[in-house]
Protein backbone atom coordinates (compact mmCIF):
# COMPACT_ATOMS: atom_id res chain seq x y z
CA MET A 1 220.07 70.45 134.07
CA THR A 2 222.96 67.90 132.42
CA ASP A 3 222.40 65.34 130.71
CA LEU A 4 220.26 65.91 128.38
CA GLN A 5 219.83 63.67 125.13
CA LEU A 6 217.65 64.94 122.41
CA TYR A 7 216.51 62.89 119.89
CA ASP A 8 216.45 65.21 116.67
CA TYR A 9 216.32 65.26 112.85
CA TRP A 10 217.85 69.11 111.67
CA ARG A 11 213.84 70.29 109.53
CA SER A 12 211.74 68.75 111.84
CA SER A 13 209.18 71.55 113.00
CA ALA A 14 208.99 70.03 116.20
CA ALA A 15 212.64 69.36 116.82
CA PHE A 16 213.34 73.01 116.43
CA ARG A 17 210.09 73.74 119.07
CA ILE A 18 212.82 71.94 121.65
CA ARG A 19 216.25 73.36 120.58
CA ILE A 20 214.16 76.66 120.10
CA GLY A 21 213.38 76.09 123.80
CA LEU A 22 216.79 75.06 125.06
CA ASN A 23 219.21 77.28 124.04
CA LEU A 24 216.40 80.02 126.34
CA LYS A 25 216.58 78.14 128.94
CA GLY A 26 219.93 77.44 128.64
CA LEU A 27 220.48 74.54 128.83
CA GLU A 28 223.33 71.78 126.72
CA TYR A 29 222.36 68.81 125.80
CA THR A 30 223.40 66.23 123.23
CA SER A 31 221.14 65.15 119.22
CA LEU A 32 220.66 61.73 118.61
CA PRO A 33 220.56 62.59 115.34
CA ILE A 34 216.44 60.49 113.79
CA ASP A 35 216.85 60.69 110.13
CA LEU A 36 213.09 61.17 108.91
CA MET A 37 213.66 61.19 105.03
CA ARG A 38 214.47 57.05 105.60
CA ASP A 39 212.68 56.12 108.57
CA VAL A 40 214.59 55.44 111.21
CA GLN A 41 211.95 56.43 113.46
CA SER A 42 210.88 53.12 112.64
CA ALA A 43 213.25 50.98 113.25
CA ALA A 44 212.41 48.36 116.21
CA ASP A 45 215.28 49.97 118.54
CA TYR A 46 213.40 53.45 118.94
CA LEU A 47 210.05 52.32 118.78
CA GLN A 48 211.26 50.05 121.77
CA ARG A 49 212.08 53.54 123.06
CA ASN A 50 209.35 56.04 122.02
CA PRO A 51 206.50 53.42 120.86
CA GLN A 52 204.28 56.26 118.67
CA GLY A 53 208.22 56.10 116.38
CA LEU A 54 208.14 60.06 116.18
CA VAL A 55 210.65 63.79 116.78
CA PRO A 56 211.05 65.13 119.32
CA ALA A 57 211.80 62.68 122.17
CA LEU A 58 213.90 64.41 125.10
CA ILE A 59 216.43 62.11 127.58
CA THR A 60 216.41 63.94 130.83
CA GLY A 61 219.14 64.07 132.85
CA GLU A 62 217.68 61.02 135.42
CA GLY A 63 217.04 58.80 132.65
CA GLN A 64 213.56 59.11 131.92
CA LEU A 65 212.01 59.52 128.37
CA LEU A 66 209.73 62.72 127.36
CA THR A 67 207.90 63.21 124.14
CA GLN A 68 205.48 65.79 122.18
CA SER A 69 207.05 68.75 121.81
CA ILE A 70 204.51 70.25 124.13
CA ALA A 71 204.38 68.54 126.80
CA ILE A 72 208.26 68.30 126.99
CA LEU A 73 208.02 72.57 125.91
CA GLU A 74 206.26 72.07 129.36
CA TRP A 75 208.44 70.25 131.16
CA LEU A 76 211.19 72.12 130.61
CA GLU A 77 209.01 75.35 132.38
CA GLU A 78 208.09 73.89 134.81
CA THR A 79 211.85 72.74 136.20
CA VAL A 80 213.46 75.50 134.92
CA PRO A 81 211.56 78.57 135.71
CA GLU A 82 214.19 80.93 134.32
CA PRO A 83 214.15 82.70 132.19
CA PRO A 84 209.94 81.70 132.24
CA LEU A 85 208.02 81.35 128.42
CA LEU A 86 204.73 81.75 129.61
CA PRO A 87 203.56 85.00 131.13
CA ALA A 88 202.75 85.54 135.17
CA GLY A 89 199.17 85.66 135.30
CA ALA A 90 196.18 82.55 134.20
CA LEU A 91 194.98 85.09 131.52
CA GLU A 92 198.18 85.90 130.02
CA ARG A 93 199.62 82.52 129.88
CA ALA A 94 195.73 81.13 128.34
CA ARG A 95 196.42 83.00 125.52
CA VAL A 96 200.26 82.00 124.61
CA ARG A 97 199.21 79.10 124.78
CA SER A 98 196.02 79.60 122.55
CA MET A 99 198.77 80.48 120.50
CA VAL A 100 200.69 77.30 121.08
CA GLN A 101 197.89 75.06 120.36
CA ALA A 102 196.42 77.26 116.69
CA ILE A 103 200.02 75.63 115.55
CA ALA A 104 200.42 73.01 117.52
CA CYS A 105 197.62 71.21 117.15
CA ASP A 106 195.26 72.87 114.48
CA ILE A 107 197.49 73.83 111.71
CA HIS A 108 200.75 71.53 112.62
CA PRO A 109 199.40 68.15 112.17
CA LEU A 110 197.37 68.49 108.86
CA ASN A 111 201.63 69.12 107.22
CA ASN A 112 203.84 67.12 109.04
CA LEU A 113 205.45 64.28 106.91
CA ARG A 114 203.66 61.48 107.86
CA VAL A 115 200.33 63.30 106.12
CA GLN A 116 202.59 63.65 102.75
CA ARG A 117 203.40 60.43 102.77
CA TYR A 118 199.35 59.23 103.24
CA LEU A 119 198.32 62.02 100.77
CA VAL A 120 200.72 61.40 98.10
CA ASP A 121 200.69 57.16 98.39
CA SER A 122 197.52 56.26 99.78
CA VAL A 123 196.23 59.42 98.74
CA GLY A 124 197.76 59.63 95.40
CA LEU A 125 197.51 63.46 95.03
CA ASN A 126 200.88 64.74 93.30
CA GLU A 127 203.30 66.92 94.19
CA GLU A 128 200.78 70.39 92.53
CA ALA A 129 197.83 68.53 95.03
CA LYS A 130 199.71 67.76 97.59
CA LEU A 131 201.63 72.05 97.69
CA ALA A 132 197.67 73.02 97.18
CA TRP A 133 196.39 71.06 100.47
CA TYR A 134 199.72 71.79 102.70
CA GLN A 135 199.18 75.88 101.78
CA HIS A 136 195.52 76.02 102.57
CA TRP A 137 195.78 74.59 105.80
CA ILE A 138 198.75 77.02 106.68
CA ALA A 139 196.40 79.88 104.96
CA LEU A 140 194.20 79.32 107.05
CA GLY A 141 195.88 79.14 110.69
CA PHE A 142 197.99 82.15 109.88
CA THR A 143 195.02 83.98 108.94
CA ALA A 144 193.93 83.78 112.37
CA LEU A 145 196.35 84.44 114.39
CA GLU A 146 197.52 87.16 112.77
CA GLN A 147 194.99 88.52 114.26
CA GLN A 148 196.05 86.86 118.03
CA VAL A 149 199.19 88.06 117.68
CA THR A 150 199.82 91.33 120.76
CA GLY A 151 202.93 91.89 120.53
CA GLU A 152 205.69 93.51 117.69
CA HIS A 153 208.48 91.47 118.06
CA TYR A 154 207.06 89.19 120.24
CA CYS A 155 203.24 87.04 119.56
CA PHE A 156 203.31 87.84 123.51
CA GLY A 157 204.34 90.79 126.27
CA SER A 158 208.53 91.41 125.97
CA ARG A 159 210.33 88.40 124.92
CA PRO A 160 209.62 85.32 123.64
CA THR A 161 206.90 82.60 125.07
CA LEU A 162 205.58 78.87 123.66
CA ALA A 163 204.15 80.66 121.49
CA ASP A 164 206.97 82.94 119.72
CA ILE A 165 209.22 78.82 119.76
CA CYS A 166 206.23 77.48 117.60
CA LEU A 167 205.22 80.34 115.48
CA VAL A 168 208.89 80.48 114.17
CA PRO A 169 209.49 76.86 112.80
CA GLN A 170 206.25 77.03 111.13
CA MET A 171 207.58 80.31 109.01
CA TYR A 172 210.42 77.70 108.29
CA ASN A 173 207.93 75.55 106.58
CA ALA A 174 205.67 78.20 105.26
CA ARG A 175 208.64 79.28 102.93
CA ARG A 176 210.06 75.83 102.54
CA PHE A 177 206.80 75.10 100.29
CA GLN A 178 206.00 78.59 98.95
CA GLN A 179 202.97 79.81 101.47
CA ASP A 180 202.35 83.47 100.12
CA LEU A 181 203.38 85.43 103.43
CA ALA A 182 202.04 88.82 102.30
CA PRO A 183 199.31 88.68 103.73
CA TYR A 184 200.36 87.63 107.95
CA PRO A 185 202.59 91.22 108.03
CA ARG A 186 203.18 91.21 112.00
CA LEU A 187 203.38 87.04 111.91
CA VAL A 188 206.81 87.70 109.36
CA ALA A 189 207.53 90.84 111.52
CA ILE A 190 207.84 88.88 114.79
CA THR A 191 209.28 85.91 113.00
CA GLU A 192 212.28 88.37 111.16
CA HIS A 193 213.31 89.69 115.19
CA LEU A 194 213.30 86.40 116.46
CA ALA A 195 215.07 85.23 113.38
CA GLN A 196 217.95 87.86 115.04
CA LEU A 197 218.01 85.90 118.32
CA PRO A 198 221.03 84.43 119.71
CA ALA A 199 218.73 81.21 120.66
CA PHE A 200 216.70 81.04 117.56
CA ALA A 201 219.28 81.25 115.34
CA ALA A 202 221.59 78.83 116.32
CA ALA A 203 218.21 75.89 116.45
CA ALA A 204 217.45 77.08 113.01
CA PRO A 205 218.01 73.74 111.09
CA GLU A 206 220.43 75.63 109.04
CA ALA A 207 222.64 75.57 111.72
CA VAL A 208 221.64 72.14 112.88
CA VAL A 209 223.35 70.76 109.54
CA ALA A 210 226.47 73.36 109.57
CA ALA A 211 227.62 72.67 113.15
C-alpha cells in the first residue's frame, strides 16, 4: 500500500492512534499537518475535503478520503491484515472493541479540543473548572478500564491490539492534564511497556515534532 497521506496534528490523540496503527502495519505515509490551535481545520479548503473539520483524515493510495480514527484503523486491519490488531476469535475481538469504544466513544469525546473550547467560551468555565471536568471523565473511564484490561504488557493478549493503540494517546493526554494515575497501576504499566516499542515511540507527539 503506497501513497498514503495523513491529515495530522502532532498532539491530537485521534491522529496519534493512526500514526501508531500505520507504524504497526509497517506502512509509510506522508504527514499533512493541520494546526488545530490555529483553526486550520475550519478553513474552507479543508472543510471541502472533510466536512467534520477534524483530524485525522487519511487519503488512500486510490485517492479516497477516510475519516474517524476507529473507522480508519478498522480499514487498515481489513486491507493490511498482518500483523493483526484484533484477536482471531469473535468473542475476543468483541472484548478488544469494548475497550476501544470505552476510550474513543466514552472518554475522548468529552475531553477533546472542541469541548474544552466550548466549556470556556460558551459555558464560561475558568481553567480550574475545565481541568476538573477533564479529570472527572478520565477518572470515570480509567476506573472501569483498569478492571477490563487482562494482560500484563498489553490490554489484551500477547501483542498490541486496537485497545493499546487507543490507550497510549489517552494516557498521554491524562498526563498532560495532571491526572492522578496512581489508581490505575495496570494501565500505567501497560503504557510504559508500549512506549518502548518502536511503532509507539515513533508515533509519540514529541517524536513527530522532532522529525
